[in-house]
C-alpha atoms as a PDB file:
ATOM      1  CA  MET A   1       0.000   0.000   0.000  1.00  0.00           C
ATOM      2  CA  LYS A   2       3.019   2.315   0.315  1.00  0.00           C
ATOM      3  CA  LEU A   3       3.882   1.839  -3.346  1.00  0.00           C
ATOM      4  CA  LYS A   4       2.810   4.473  -5.861  1.00  0.00           C
ATOM      5  CA  ARG A   5       0.744   3.009  -8.695  1.00  0.00           C
ATOM      6  CA  VAL A   6       2.332   4.410 -11.850  1.00  0.00           C
ATOM      7  CA  GLY A   7       0.423   4.677 -15.117  1.00  0.00           C
ATOM      8  CA  ALA A   8      -0.437   6.541 -18.327  1.00  0.00           C
ATOM      9  CA  PRO A   9       3.111   7.546 -19.375  1.00  0.00           C
ATOM     10  CA  VAL A  10       3.250   9.996 -22.313  1.00  0.00           C
ATOM     11  CA  PRO A  11       6.436  11.333 -23.922  1.00  0.00           C
ATOM     12  CA  SER A  12       6.702  14.992 -24.899  1.00  0.00           C
ATOM     13  CA  PRO A  13       6.790  15.499 -28.696  1.00  0.00           C
ATOM     14  CA  ASP A  14      10.433  16.632 -28.528  1.00  0.00           C
ATOM     15  CA  GLY A  15      11.382  13.446 -26.686  1.00  0.00           C
ATOM     16  CA  LYS A  16      12.852  15.213 -23.646  1.00  0.00           C
ATOM     17  CA  TRP A  17      10.262  14.353 -20.994  1.00  0.00           C
ATOM     18  CA  VAL A  18       7.829  11.688 -19.865  1.00  0.00           C
ATOM     19  CA  VAL A  19       4.732  12.772 -17.931  1.00  0.00           C
ATOM     20  CA  PHE A  20       2.738  10.153 -16.025  1.00  0.00           C
ATOM     21  CA  ASP A  21       0.240   9.807 -13.216  1.00  0.00           C
ATOM     22  CA  ALA A  22       0.981   8.095  -9.910  1.00  0.00           C
ATOM     23  CA  VAL A  23      -1.612   7.025  -7.343  1.00  0.00           C
ATOM     24  CA  ASP A  24      -0.996   7.451  -3.602  1.00  0.00           C
ATOM     25  CA  VAL A  25      -2.941   5.197  -1.224  1.00  0.00           C
ATOM     26  CA  ASP A  26      -3.932   6.648   2.154  1.00  0.00           C
ATOM     27  CA  LEU A  27      -5.207   3.846   4.395  1.00  0.00           C
ATOM     28  CA  GLU A  28      -6.224   6.176   7.216  1.00  0.00           C
ATOM     29  CA  ALA A  29      -8.317   8.385   4.951  1.00  0.00           C
ATOM     30  CA  ASP A  30      -9.409   5.411   2.812  1.00  0.00           C
ATOM     31  CA  THR A  31      -8.502   7.261  -0.397  1.00  0.00           C
ATOM     32  CA  LYS A  32      -6.572   6.714  -3.613  1.00  0.00           C
ATOM     33  CA  ILE A  33      -5.454  10.006  -5.145  1.00  0.00           C
ATOM     34  CA  SER A  34      -3.603  10.365  -8.441  1.00  0.00           C
ATOM     35  CA  HIS A  35      -1.087  13.141  -9.119  1.00  0.00           C
ATOM     36  CA  LEU A  36       0.877  14.177 -12.213  1.00  0.00           C
ATOM     37  CA  TRP A  37       4.619  13.511 -12.276  1.00  0.00           C
ATOM     38  CA  ILE A  38       7.421  14.182 -14.755  1.00  0.00           C
ATOM     39  CA  VAL A  39      10.815  12.571 -15.391  1.00  0.00           C
ATOM     40  CA  PRO A  40      13.553  13.248 -18.005  1.00  0.00           C
ATOM     41  CA  ALA A  41      13.298  10.750 -20.859  1.00  0.00           C
ATOM     42  CA  ASN A  42      17.007   9.939 -20.589  1.00  0.00           C
ATOM     43  CA  GLY A  43      16.693   9.127 -16.891  1.00  0.00           C
ATOM     44  CA  GLY A  44      16.861  11.199 -13.737  1.00  0.00           C
ATOM     45  CA  GLU A  45      14.807  12.255 -10.750  1.00  0.00           C
ATOM     46  CA  SER A  46      11.016  12.157 -10.940  1.00  0.00           C
ATOM     47  CA  ARG A  47       9.111  15.105  -9.476  1.00  0.00           C
ATOM     48  CA  ARG A  48       5.541  16.304  -9.058  1.00  0.00           C
ATOM     49  CA  LEU A  49       4.444  18.346 -12.062  1.00  0.00           C
ATOM     50  CA  ASN A  50       1.453  20.090 -10.503  1.00  0.00           C
ATOM     51  CA  GLU A  51       1.454  20.664  -6.741  1.00  0.00           C
ATOM     52  CA  THR A  52      -2.238  20.343  -5.967  1.00  0.00           C
ATOM     53  CA  PRO A  53      -4.305  18.136  -3.627  1.00  0.00           C
ATOM     54  CA  ASN A  54      -6.745  17.411  -6.460  1.00  0.00           C
ATOM     55  CA  HIS A  55      -7.008  14.002  -8.112  1.00  0.00           C
ATOM     56  CA  GLU A  56      -5.384  14.360 -11.572  1.00  0.00           C
ATOM     57  CA  GLU A  57      -4.762  11.703 -14.217  1.00  0.00           C
ATOM     58  CA  ARG A  58      -4.379  10.917 -17.917  1.00  0.00           C
ATOM     59  CA  PRO A  59      -2.022  13.684 -19.144  1.00  0.00           C
ATOM     60  CA  ARG A  60      -1.739  14.352 -22.894  1.00  0.00           C
ATOM     61  CA  PHE A  61       0.669  16.708 -24.699  1.00  0.00           C
ATOM     62  CA  SER A  62      -0.504  18.981 -27.489  1.00  0.00           C
ATOM     63  CA  PRO A  63       1.046  18.124 -30.875  1.00  0.00           C
ATOM     64  CA  ASP A  64       3.505  21.035 -30.576  1.00  0.00           C
ATOM     65  CA  GLY A  65       4.392  20.072 -26.994  1.00  0.00           C
ATOM     66  CA  LYS A  66       3.572  23.518 -25.642  1.00  0.00           C
ATOM     67  CA  ARG A  67       0.422  22.574 -23.728  1.00  0.00           C
ATOM     68  CA  LEU A  68      -0.775  19.728 -21.562  1.00  0.00           C
ATOM     69  CA  ILE A  69      -4.308  18.524 -20.821  1.00  0.00           C
ATOM     70  CA  TRP A  70      -5.443  16.125 -18.099  1.00  0.00           C
ATOM     71  CA  THR A  71      -8.525  14.934 -16.233  1.00  0.00           C
ATOM     72  CA  SER A  72      -8.996  16.651 -12.871  1.00  0.00           C
ATOM     73  CA  LYS A  73     -11.392  16.105  -9.975  1.00  0.00           C
ATOM     74  CA  ALA A  74     -10.941  19.693  -8.815  1.00  0.00           C
ATOM     75  CA  THR A  75     -14.625  19.883  -9.655  1.00  0.00           C
ATOM     76  CA  ASP A  76     -17.406  17.333  -9.297  1.00  0.00           C
ATOM     77  CA  PRO A  77     -17.896  15.799 -11.775  1.00  0.00           C
ATOM     78  CA  SER A  78     -14.382  15.667 -13.214  1.00  0.00           C
ATOM     79  CA  GLN A  79     -13.414  17.960 -16.106  1.00  0.00           C
ATOM     80  CA  ILE A  80     -10.556  18.469 -18.561  1.00  0.00           C
ATOM     81  CA  TRP A  81      -7.942  21.058 -17.545  1.00  0.00           C
ATOM     82  CA  MET A  82      -5.149  22.591 -19.613  1.00  0.00           C
ATOM     83  CA  CYS A  83      -1.885  24.420 -18.951  1.00  0.00           C
ATOM     84  CA  ASP A  84       1.034  25.798 -20.926  1.00  0.00           C
ATOM     85  CA  PHE A  85       4.210  23.693 -20.743  1.00  0.00           C
ATOM     86  CA  GLU A  86       7.806  24.905 -20.952  1.00  0.00           C
ATOM     87  CA  THR A  87       9.832  22.189 -22.631  1.00  0.00           C
ATOM     88  CA  GLU A  88      13.273  23.481 -21.560  1.00  0.00           C
ATOM     89  CA  SER A  89      12.566  23.300 -17.824  1.00  0.00           C
ATOM     90  CA  GLY A  90       9.834  20.648 -17.982  1.00  0.00           C
ATOM     91  CA  ARG A  91       7.464  22.783 -15.920  1.00  0.00           C
ATOM     92  CA  LEU A  92       3.933  24.094 -16.189  1.00  0.00           C
ATOM     93  CA  ILE A  93       3.856  27.838 -16.791  1.00  0.00           C
ATOM     94  CA  ARG A  94       1.046  30.195 -15.825  1.00  0.00           C
ATOM     95  CA  LYS A  95      -2.029  28.818 -14.050  1.00  0.00           C
ATOM     96  CA  PRO A  96      -3.885  25.690 -15.190  1.00  0.00           C
ATOM     97  CA  ARG A  97      -7.336  26.515 -16.546  1.00  0.00           C
ATOM     98  CA  GLN A  98     -10.496  24.482 -16.810  1.00  0.00           C
ATOM     99  CA  LEU A  99     -11.268  23.557 -20.428  1.00  0.00           C
ATOM    100  CA  THR A 100     -14.641  21.775 -20.124  1.00  0.00           C
ATOM    101  CA  THR A 101     -17.674  22.622 -18.017  1.00  0.00           C
ATOM    102  CA  ILE A 102     -20.106  19.950 -19.226  1.00  0.00           C
ATOM    103  CA  SER A 103     -22.494  18.966 -16.415  1.00  0.00           C
ATOM    104  CA  THR A 104     -22.015  15.217 -17.003  1.00  0.00           C
ATOM    105  CA  GLY A 105     -18.224  15.466 -16.603  1.00  0.00           C
ATOM    106  CA  ALA A 106     -15.376  14.859 -19.033  1.00  0.00           C
ATOM    107  CA  ASP A 107     -12.608  12.280 -19.272  1.00  0.00           C
ATOM    108  CA  GLY A 108     -10.331  10.535 -21.764  1.00  0.00           C
ATOM    109  CA  ALA A 109      -9.362  13.627 -23.772  1.00  0.00           C
ATOM    110  CA  ILE A 110      -7.170  13.412 -26.883  1.00  0.00           C
ATOM    111  CA  TRP A 111      -5.847  16.224 -29.101  1.00  0.00           C
ATOM    112  CA  SER A 112      -6.673  16.794 -32.733  1.00  0.00           C
ATOM    113  CA  PRO A 113      -3.446  16.735 -34.809  1.00  0.00           C
ATOM    114  CA  ASP A 114      -3.673  20.488 -35.477  1.00  0.00           C
ATOM    115  CA  GLY A 115      -3.961  21.212 -31.751  1.00  0.00           C
ATOM    116  CA  LYS A 116      -7.195  23.194 -32.181  1.00  0.00           C
ATOM    117  CA  ASN A 117      -9.747  20.745 -30.732  1.00  0.00           C
ATOM    118  CA  ILE A 118      -9.973  17.932 -28.242  1.00  0.00           C
ATOM    119  CA  VAL A 119     -12.199  14.860 -28.248  1.00  0.00           C
ATOM    120  CA  PHE A 120     -13.335  13.557 -24.862  1.00  0.00           C
ATOM    121  CA  VAL A 121     -15.770  11.079 -23.294  1.00  0.00           C
ATOM    122  CA  SER A 122     -18.860  11.964 -21.270  1.00  0.00           C
ATOM    123  CA  ALA A 123     -21.740   9.767 -20.065  1.00  0.00           C
ATOM    124  CA  VAL A 124     -25.035  11.358 -21.144  1.00  0.00           C
ATOM    125  CA  TYR A 125     -28.702  10.474 -21.463  1.00  0.00           C
ATOM    126  CA  PRO A 126     -29.052   9.254 -25.070  1.00  0.00           C
ATOM    127  CA  ASP A 127     -32.423  10.924 -25.576  1.00  0.00           C
ATOM    128  CA  CYS A 128     -30.951  14.351 -24.724  1.00  0.00           C
ATOM    129  CA  ASN A 129     -29.985  14.997 -28.339  1.00  0.00           C
ATOM    130  CA  PRO A 130     -28.288  18.263 -29.303  1.00  0.00           C
ATOM    131  CA  PRO A 131     -30.591  20.829 -30.922  1.00  0.00           C
ATOM    132  CA  THR A 132     -30.313  21.531 -34.628  1.00  0.00           C
ATOM    133  CA  SER A 133     -31.299  25.159 -34.204  1.00  0.00           C
ATOM    134  CA  GLY A 134     -30.773  27.940 -31.718  1.00  0.00           C
ATOM    135  CA  SER A 135     -33.659  26.919 -29.482  1.00  0.00           C
ATOM    136  CA  GLY A 136     -31.877  28.060 -26.346  1.00  0.00           C
ATOM    137  CA  VAL A 137     -32.124  24.576 -24.770  1.00  0.00           C
ATOM    138  CA  THR A 138     -28.883  22.647 -25.145  1.00  0.00           C
ATOM    139  CA  SER A 139     -28.314  18.930 -24.692  1.00  0.00           C
ATOM    140  CA  ASP A 140     -26.368  19.782 -21.527  1.00  0.00           C
ATOM    141  CA  ASP A 141     -29.422  21.584 -20.124  1.00  0.00           C
ATOM    142  CA  CYS A 142     -31.399  18.377 -20.715  1.00  0.00           C
ATOM    143  CA  ASN A 143     -28.776  16.203 -19.001  1.00  0.00           C
ATOM    144  CA  LYS A 144     -28.560  18.594 -16.056  1.00  0.00           C
ATOM    145  CA  ARG A 145     -32.330  18.533 -15.614  1.00  0.00           C
ATOM    146  CA  ARG A 146     -32.470  14.730 -15.763  1.00  0.00           C
ATOM    147  CA  ASP A 147     -29.706  14.409 -13.167  1.00  0.00           C
ATOM    148  CA  GLU A 148     -31.536  16.808 -10.860  1.00  0.00           C
ATOM    149  CA  GLU A 149     -34.787  14.880 -11.244  1.00  0.00           C
ATOM    150  CA  LEU A 150     -33.081  11.615 -10.284  1.00  0.00           C
ATOM    151  CA  LYS A 151     -31.285  13.226  -7.373  1.00  0.00           C
ATOM    152  CA  ASN A 152     -34.447  14.819  -5.975  1.00  0.00           C
ATOM    153  CA  SER A 153     -36.764  11.860  -6.556  1.00  0.00           C
ATOM    154  CA  LYS A 154     -37.935  10.021  -3.446  1.00  0.00           C
ATOM    155  CA  VAL A 155     -37.961   6.802  -5.469  1.00  0.00           C
ATOM    156  CA  LYS A 156     -34.497   5.238  -5.383  1.00  0.00           C
ATOM    157  CA  ALA A 157     -35.399   1.921  -7.034  1.00  0.00           C
ATOM    158  CA  LYS A 158     -33.885   1.329 -10.466  1.00  0.00           C
ATOM    159  CA  ILE A 159     -36.027  -0.213 -13.192  1.00  0.00           C
ATOM    160  CA  PHE A 160     -34.243  -1.908 -16.077  1.00  0.00           C
ATOM    161  CA  THR A 161     -36.062  -3.255 -19.124  1.00  0.00           C
ATOM    162  CA  LYS A 162     -33.121  -4.826 -20.970  1.00  0.00           C
ATOM    163  CA  LEU A 163     -29.686  -6.313 -20.558  1.00  0.00           C
ATOM    164  CA  LEU A 164     -27.010  -5.057 -19.913  1.00  0.00           C
ATOM    165  CA  TYR A 165     -27.989  -3.596 -16.531  1.00  0.00           C
ATOM    166  CA  ARG A 166     -24.860  -4.206 -14.456  1.00  0.00           C
ATOM    167  CA  HIS A 167     -21.186  -4.790 -15.135  1.00  0.00           C
ATOM    168  CA  TRP A 168     -19.243  -6.388 -12.266  1.00  0.00           C
ATOM    169  CA  ASN A 169     -20.007  -4.187  -9.239  1.00  0.00           C
ATOM    170  CA  ALA A 170     -21.581  -1.159 -10.939  1.00  0.00           C
ATOM    171  CA  PHE A 171     -25.026  -0.520 -12.404  1.00  0.00           C
ATOM    172  CA  THR A 172     -25.019   0.823 -15.938  1.00  0.00           C
ATOM    173  CA  GLU A 173     -27.642   3.398 -14.884  1.00  0.00           C
ATOM    174  CA  PHE A 174     -29.400   5.126 -17.787  1.00  0.00           C
ATOM    175  CA  LYS A 175     -26.564   7.025 -19.432  1.00  0.00           C
ATOM    176  CA  ARG A 176     -24.353   6.202 -22.397  1.00  0.00           C
ATOM    177  CA  SER A 177     -20.704   7.112 -22.972  1.00  0.00           C
ATOM    178  CA  HIS A 178     -20.414   9.372 -26.005  1.00  0.00           C
ATOM    179  CA  LEU A 179     -17.526  11.143 -27.728  1.00  0.00           C
ATOM    180  CA  PHE A 180     -17.614  14.951 -27.790  1.00  0.00           C
ATOM    181  CA  ILE A 181     -15.479  17.497 -29.615  1.00  0.00           C
ATOM    182  CA  VAL A 182     -14.739  21.017 -28.384  1.00  0.00           C
ATOM    183  CA  SER A 183     -12.356  23.826 -29.274  1.00  0.00           C
ATOM    184  CA  VAL A 184      -9.360  24.324 -26.968  1.00  0.00           C
ATOM    185  CA  GLU A 185     -10.288  28.013 -27.000  1.00  0.00           C
ATOM    186  CA  ALA A 186     -13.331  27.081 -24.880  1.00  0.00           C
ATOM    187  CA  THR A 187     -11.510  27.838 -21.653  1.00  0.00           C
ATOM    188  CA  VAL A 188     -13.361  29.125 -18.630  1.00  0.00           C
ATOM    189  CA  ASP A 189     -13.245  32.879 -18.147  1.00  0.00           C
ATOM    190  CA  ARG A 190     -10.790  33.374 -15.284  1.00  0.00           C
ATOM    191  CA  ASN A 191     -12.793  36.203 -13.750  1.00  0.00           C
ATOM    192  CA  ILE A 192     -16.338  34.880 -13.661  1.00  0.00           C
ATOM    193  CA  GLY A 193     -15.791  31.130 -13.887  1.00  0.00           C
ATOM    194  CA  VAL A 194     -18.182  30.446 -16.767  1.00  0.00           C
ATOM    195  CA  PRO A 195     -17.571  29.798 -20.463  1.00  0.00           C
ATOM    196  CA  PRO A 196     -17.739  32.794 -22.835  1.00  0.00           C
ATOM    197  CA  VAL A 197     -21.051  33.292 -24.610  1.00  0.00           C
ATOM    198  CA  ARG A 198     -21.301  31.582 -27.985  1.00  0.00           C
ATOM    199  CA  THR A 199     -23.454  32.546 -30.908  1.00  0.00           C
ATOM    200  CA  ALA A 200     -26.536  30.507 -31.762  1.00  0.00           C
ATOM    201  CA  GLY A 201     -26.318  27.913 -34.483  1.00  0.00           C
ATOM    202  CA  PHE A 202     -25.089  24.419 -35.078  1.00  0.00           C
ATOM    203  CA  GLN A 203     -21.488  24.528 -36.264  1.00  0.00           C
ATOM    204  CA  PRO A 204     -18.601  22.052 -36.138  1.00  0.00           C
ATOM    205  CA  ALA A 205     -16.392  22.534 -33.109  1.00  0.00           C
ATOM    206  CA  GLY A 206     -13.539  24.874 -33.892  1.00  0.00           C
ATOM    207  CA  SER A 207     -15.165  26.268 -37.056  1.00  0.00           C
ATOM    208  CA  PRO A 208     -15.635  30.036 -37.280  1.00  0.00           C
ATOM    209  CA  THR A 209     -18.987  31.736 -37.064  1.00  0.00           C
ATOM    210  CA  SER A 210     -19.783  35.426 -37.286  1.00  0.00           C
ATOM    211  CA  GLY A 211     -20.998  36.996 -34.097  1.00  0.00           C
ATOM    212  CA  GLU A 212     -19.796  38.568 -30.912  1.00  0.00           C
ATOM    213  CA  THR A 213     -16.495  37.428 -29.488  1.00  0.00           C
ATOM    214  CA  PRO A 214     -15.874  37.175 -25.715  1.00  0.00           C
ATOM    215  CA  ASN A 215     -14.283  40.629 -25.658  1.00  0.00           C
ATOM    216  CA  GLY A 216     -17.325  42.198 -27.306  1.00  0.00           C
ATOM    217  CA  GLN A 217     -15.777  42.766 -30.737  1.00  0.00           C
ATOM    218  CA  THR A 218     -17.244  41.482 -33.957  1.00  0.00           C
ATOM    219  CA  GLY A 219     -15.247  38.764 -35.666  1.00  0.00           C
ATOM    220  CA  GLU A 220     -14.769  35.013 -35.843  1.00  0.00           C
ATOM    221  CA  THR A 221     -14.970  32.970 -32.670  1.00  0.00           C
ATOM    222  CA  PRO A 222     -14.642  29.230 -32.061  1.00  0.00           C
ATOM    223  CA  ILE A 223     -17.653  27.198 -31.010  1.00  0.00           C
ATOM    224  CA  PHE A 224     -17.450  26.755 -27.253  1.00  0.00           C
ATOM    225  CA  GLN A 225     -20.149  24.177 -26.572  1.00  0.00           C
ATOM    226  CA  PRO A 226     -19.038  20.511 -26.756  1.00  0.00           C
ATOM    227  CA  ARG A 227     -20.750  18.631 -29.582  1.00  0.00           C
ATOM    228  CA  ASP A 228     -21.793  14.980 -29.480  1.00  0.00           C
ATOM    229  CA  LEU A 229     -20.188  13.051 -32.363  1.00  0.00           C
ATOM    230  CA  THR A 230     -21.718   9.669 -31.467  1.00  0.00           C
ATOM    231  CA  PRO A 231     -25.369  10.246 -30.443  1.00  0.00           C
ATOM    232  CA  GLY A 232     -27.634   7.274 -29.884  1.00  0.00           C
ATOM    233  CA  ASP A 233     -28.469   4.537 -27.383  1.00  0.00           C
ATOM    234  CA  HIS A 234     -25.046   2.893 -27.327  1.00  0.00           C
ATOM    235  CA  ASP A 235     -21.705   3.316 -25.560  1.00  0.00           C
ATOM    236  CA  VAL A 236     -18.657   4.798 -27.256  1.00  0.00           C
ATOM    237  CA  PRO A 237     -16.271   3.402 -26.288  1.00  0.00           C
ATOM    238  CA  PRO A 238     -17.911   0.122 -25.138  1.00  0.00           C
ATOM    239  CA  PHE A 239     -17.726  -0.739 -21.455  1.00  0.00           C
ATOM    240  CA  ASN A 240     -15.019  -3.407 -21.778  1.00  0.00           C
ATOM    241  CA  LEU A 241     -13.027  -5.701 -24.110  1.00  0.00           C
ATOM    242  CA  GLY A 242     -10.585  -2.922 -24.911  1.00  0.00           C
ATOM    243  CA  GLY A 243      -6.956  -1.987 -24.600  1.00  0.00           C
ATOM    244  CA  GLN A 244      -5.597   1.545 -24.806  1.00  0.00           C
ATOM    245  CA  ASP A 245      -7.673   4.297 -26.402  1.00  0.00           C
ATOM    246  CA  MET A 246     -10.682   2.957 -28.277  1.00  0.00           C
ATOM    247  CA  TYR A 247     -10.893   6.094 -30.441  1.00  0.00           C
ATOM    248  CA  THR A 248      -8.477   8.200 -32.486  1.00  0.00           C
ATOM    249  CA  ILE A 249      -8.419  11.205 -34.833  1.00  0.00           C
ATOM    250  CA  SER A 250      -7.110  11.085 -38.404  1.00  0.00           C
ATOM    251  CA  PRO A 251      -3.875  13.015 -39.170  1.00  0.00           C
ATOM    252  CA  ASP A 252      -5.822  15.629 -41.155  1.00  0.00           C
ATOM    253  CA  GLY A 253      -8.253  16.081 -38.256  1.00  0.00           C
ATOM    254  CA  GLN A 254     -11.284  15.475 -40.467  1.00  0.00           C
ATOM    255  CA  GLU A 255     -12.309  12.025 -39.229  1.00  0.00           C
ATOM    256  CA  LEU A 256     -12.681  10.060 -36.021  1.00  0.00           C
ATOM    257  CA  ALA A 257     -12.334   6.265 -35.781  1.00  0.00           C
ATOM    258  CA  TYR A 258     -13.871   4.599 -32.734  1.00  0.00           C
ATOM    259  CA  THR A 259     -15.002   1.313 -31.218  1.00  0.00           C
ATOM    260  CA  SER A 260     -18.612   0.526 -30.331  1.00  0.00           C
ATOM    261  CA  ASN A 261     -20.917  -2.459 -29.825  1.00  0.00           C
ATOM    262  CA  VAL A 262     -24.257  -1.659 -31.427  1.00  0.00           C
ATOM    263  CA  GLU A 263     -27.183  -3.451 -32.965  1.00  0.00           C
ATOM    264  CA  SER A 264     -26.323  -4.078 -36.606  1.00  0.00           C
ATOM    265  CA  GLU A 265     -26.768  -7.196 -38.695  1.00  0.00           C
ATOM    266  CA  ALA A 266     -28.043  -9.106 -35.644  1.00  0.00           C
ATOM    267  CA  GLY A 267     -31.216  -7.025 -35.595  1.00  0.00           C
ATOM    268  CA  PRO A 268     -33.693  -8.011 -32.853  1.00  0.00           C
ATOM    269  CA  ALA A 269     -31.389 -10.886 -31.838  1.00  0.00           C
ATOM    270  CA  PHE A 270     -28.804  -8.395 -30.568  1.00  0.00           C
ATOM    271  CA  VAL A 271     -28.290  -8.549 -26.797  1.00  0.00           C
ATOM    272  CA  GLU A 272     -25.590  -6.198 -25.575  1.00  0.00           C
ATOM    273  CA  ALA A 273     -24.903  -8.259 -22.449  1.00  0.00           C
ATOM    274  CA  THR A 274     -23.902 -11.325 -24.466  1.00  0.00           C
ATOM    275  CA  SER A 275     -22.369  -9.702 -27.550  1.00  0.00           C
ATOM    276  CA  THR A 276     -18.601  -9.388 -27.982  1.00  0.00           C
ATOM    277  CA  ASN A 277     -19.033  -7.971 -31.475  1.00  0.00           C
ATOM    278  CA  ASN A 278     -17.291  -4.645 -30.985  1.00  0.00           C
ATOM    279  CA  GLU A 279     -16.954  -2.886 -34.339  1.00  0.00           C
ATOM    280  CA  ILE A 280     -14.816  -0.082 -35.786  1.00  0.00           C
ATOM    281  CA  PHE A 281     -16.702   2.988 -37.021  1.00  0.00           C
ATOM    282  CA  ILE A 282     -15.609   6.225 -38.668  1.00  0.00           C
ATOM    283  CA  VAL A 283     -17.406   9.580 -38.505  1.00  0.00           C
ATOM    284  CA  PRO A 284     -16.464  13.098 -39.720  1.00  0.00           C
ATOM    285  CA  THR A 285     -15.275  15.368 -36.911  1.00  0.00           C
ATOM    286  CA  ALA A 286     -17.605  17.999 -38.367  1.00  0.00           C
ATOM    287  CA  GLY A 287     -20.469  15.622 -37.572  1.00  0.00           C
ATOM    288  CA  GLY A 288     -22.357  13.165 -39.734  1.00  0.00           C
ATOM    289  CA  ILE A 289     -23.537   9.578 -40.099  1.00  0.00           C
ATOM    290  CA  PRO A 290     -21.071   6.975 -38.733  1.00  0.00           C
ATOM    291  CA  LYS A 291     -19.885   4.230 -41.084  1.00  0.00           C
ATOM    292  CA  LYS A 292     -18.929   0.728 -39.949  1.00  0.00           C
ATOM    293  CA  ILE A 293     -15.666  -0.475 -41.544  1.00  0.00           C
ATOM    294  CA  SER A 294     -14.966  -3.743 -39.662  1.00  0.00           C
ATOM    295  CA  THR A 295     -16.513  -7.062 -40.700  1.00  0.00           C
ATOM    296  CA  SER A 296     -15.490  -9.636 -38.084  1.00  0.00           C
ATOM    297  CA  PRO A 297     -18.276 -11.165 -35.917  1.00  0.00           C
ATOM    298  CA  GLY A 298     -15.812 -11.010 -33.014  1.00  0.00           C
ATOM    299  CA  ASN A 299     -14.208  -8.178 -31.050  1.00  0.00           C
ATOM    300  CA  ASP A 300     -12.617  -5.399 -33.135  1.00  0.00           C
ATOM    301  CA  ASN A 301     -10.964  -2.677 -31.067  1.00  0.00           C
ATOM    302  CA  THR A 302      -8.316   0.058 -30.605  1.00  0.00           C
ATOM    303  CA  PRO A 303      -8.110   1.687 -34.053  1.00  0.00           C
ATOM    304  CA  LEU A 304      -5.074   3.754 -35.098  1.00  0.00           C
ATOM    305  CA  TYR A 305      -4.423   5.815 -38.230  1.00  0.00           C
ATOM    306  CA  SER A 306      -1.160   5.483 -40.133  1.00  0.00           C
ATOM    307  CA  PRO A 307       1.001   8.654 -40.018  1.00  0.00           C
ATOM    308  CA  ASP A 308       0.170   9.432 -43.680  1.00  0.00           C
ATOM    309  CA  GLY A 309      -3.546   8.894 -43.013  1.00  0.00           C
ATOM    310  CA  HIS A 310      -3.958   6.341 -45.809  1.00  0.00           C
ATOM    311  CA  HIS A 311      -4.698   3.381 -43.542  1.00  0.00           C
ATOM    312  CA  ILE A 312      -6.382   2.438 -40.267  1.00  0.00           C
ATOM    313  CA  ALA A 313      -5.155  -0.516 -38.200  1.00  0.00           C
ATOM    314  CA  TRP A 314      -6.993  -2.317 -35.423  1.00  0.00           C
ATOM    315  CA  ARG A 315      -6.991  -5.533 -33.433  1.00  0.00           C
ATOM    316  CA  SER A 316      -9.526  -8.172 -34.324  1.00  0.00           C
ATOM    317  CA  MET A 317     -10.887 -11.444 -32.950  1.00  0.00           C
ATOM    318  CA  ALA A 318     -12.538 -13.931 -35.320  1.00  0.00           C
ATOM    319  CA  ARG A 319     -15.130 -15.667 -33.134  1.00  0.00           C
ATOM    320  CA  ALA A 320     -18.378 -14.209 -31.849  1.00  0.00           C
ATOM    321  CA  GLY A 321     -19.161 -14.474 -28.134  1.00  0.00           C
ATOM    322  CA  PHE A 322     -15.557 -15.312 -27.214  1.00  0.00           C
ATOM    323  CA  GLU A 323     -13.561 -12.788 -25.210  1.00  0.00           C
ATOM    324  CA  ALA A 324     -10.176 -14.549 -25.163  1.00  0.00           C
ATOM    325  CA  ASP A 325      -9.680 -15.343 -28.849  1.00  0.00           C
ATOM    326  CA  LYS A 326      -6.366 -14.729 -30.591  1.00  0.00           C
ATOM    327  CA  GLU A 327      -6.099 -11.154 -31.801  1.00  0.00           C
ATOM    328  CA  THR A 328      -4.796 -10.360 -35.268  1.00  0.00           C
ATOM    329  CA  LEU A 329      -3.984  -7.000 -36.850  1.00  0.00           C
ATOM    330  CA  VAL A 330      -6.289  -5.691 -39.572  1.00  0.00           C
ATOM    331  CA  ILE A 331      -5.107  -3.003 -42.011  1.00  0.00           C
ATOM    332  CA  TYR A 332      -7.844  -0.977 -43.717  1.00  0.00           C
ATOM    333  CA  GLN A 333      -7.096   1.013 -46.886  1.00  0.00           C
ATOM    334  CA  ARG A 334      -9.249   4.133 -46.552  1.00  0.00           C
ATOM    335  CA  GLN A 335      -9.418   5.168 -50.207  1.00  0.00           C
ATOM    336  CA  LEU A 336     -10.343   1.697 -51.480  1.00  0.00           C
ATOM    337  CA  GLY A 337     -12.410   0.732 -48.432  1.00  0.00           C
ATOM    338  CA  GLN A 338     -10.641  -2.647 -48.305  1.00  0.00           C
ATOM    339  CA  SER A 339      -9.108  -4.487 -45.347  1.00  0.00           C
ATOM    340  CA  ARG A 340      -6.609  -7.303 -44.975  1.00  0.00           C
ATOM    341  CA  LYS A 341      -5.158  -9.267 -42.087  1.00  0.00           C
ATOM    342  CA  LEU A 342      -1.531  -8.663 -41.216  1.00  0.00           C
ATOM    343  CA  ALA A 343       0.469 -11.636 -39.872  1.00  0.00           C
ATOM    344  CA  ALA A 344      -2.657 -13.776 -39.624  1.00  0.00           C
ATOM    345  CA  ASP A 345      -0.561 -16.859 -38.800  1.00  0.00           C
END
């Protein structure tokens, strides 16, 4: 129990540093708290990167190495925070600032290759769909209201009408994990603690729209509200059967590949609790209809784009309903829409 649990190591883009999280166990307080640490990549003394009592984990460098994001429990629920990083000294500079304020919390953030947006995970009510017009009621308003209704209800019984209803020691509740995209300019105003006002309309995250900027001048301003890229009654990523990240952004930033287990060819026979048929999907980061690109009846997971963006690779199992099958590598040619197994033997 005195050992630190070390995890999530990420190298800086220039190769000088490795940032990781380390969990401290406090038996007296009955807590496990994670903090961010840094160590020179060529060896040396590890040190705390951010001296704070808050639980912090999953650091990720921006593509240019000048900023760092992480998940922080400084608020409840947890949110994504960001800070400038000085590569020469390996230290955070200026004050960390809260990047997301979504009521359902944020985790698992990754950078877009151009460093302008992040994609993150949040568990939301699937029927709280984002509006397609400036109605004034956002999907986050809907989620906030539903959470308040559950919290204030005198009825604490849970009614489930389908499987899956529990995984190991946790109920699935009534939310679904979805992937959201938001501009990194959507930082909280340091003075008033709320996001700047955005203009009405339904625009891709990070795309310009005419209107009033936070400083009151007319011009182009990024979209500040997170946008759901994977709406629907399914989890993205799925609740298990995975490895590292189950989602990734293409090198040109125009597409997202992700893993999900959804009703497809099985139709009414699909039962999430017994299906291992995770599939690989792609969807434009500007929003659109997802497209399934995997074909195996078994577990397909952890997609990655090639550096030139021409291919996607993922791990694949051949047999349906079997969690411990041999995994092979599948290479998918994006332009031709064709896949092949690599080292199948």
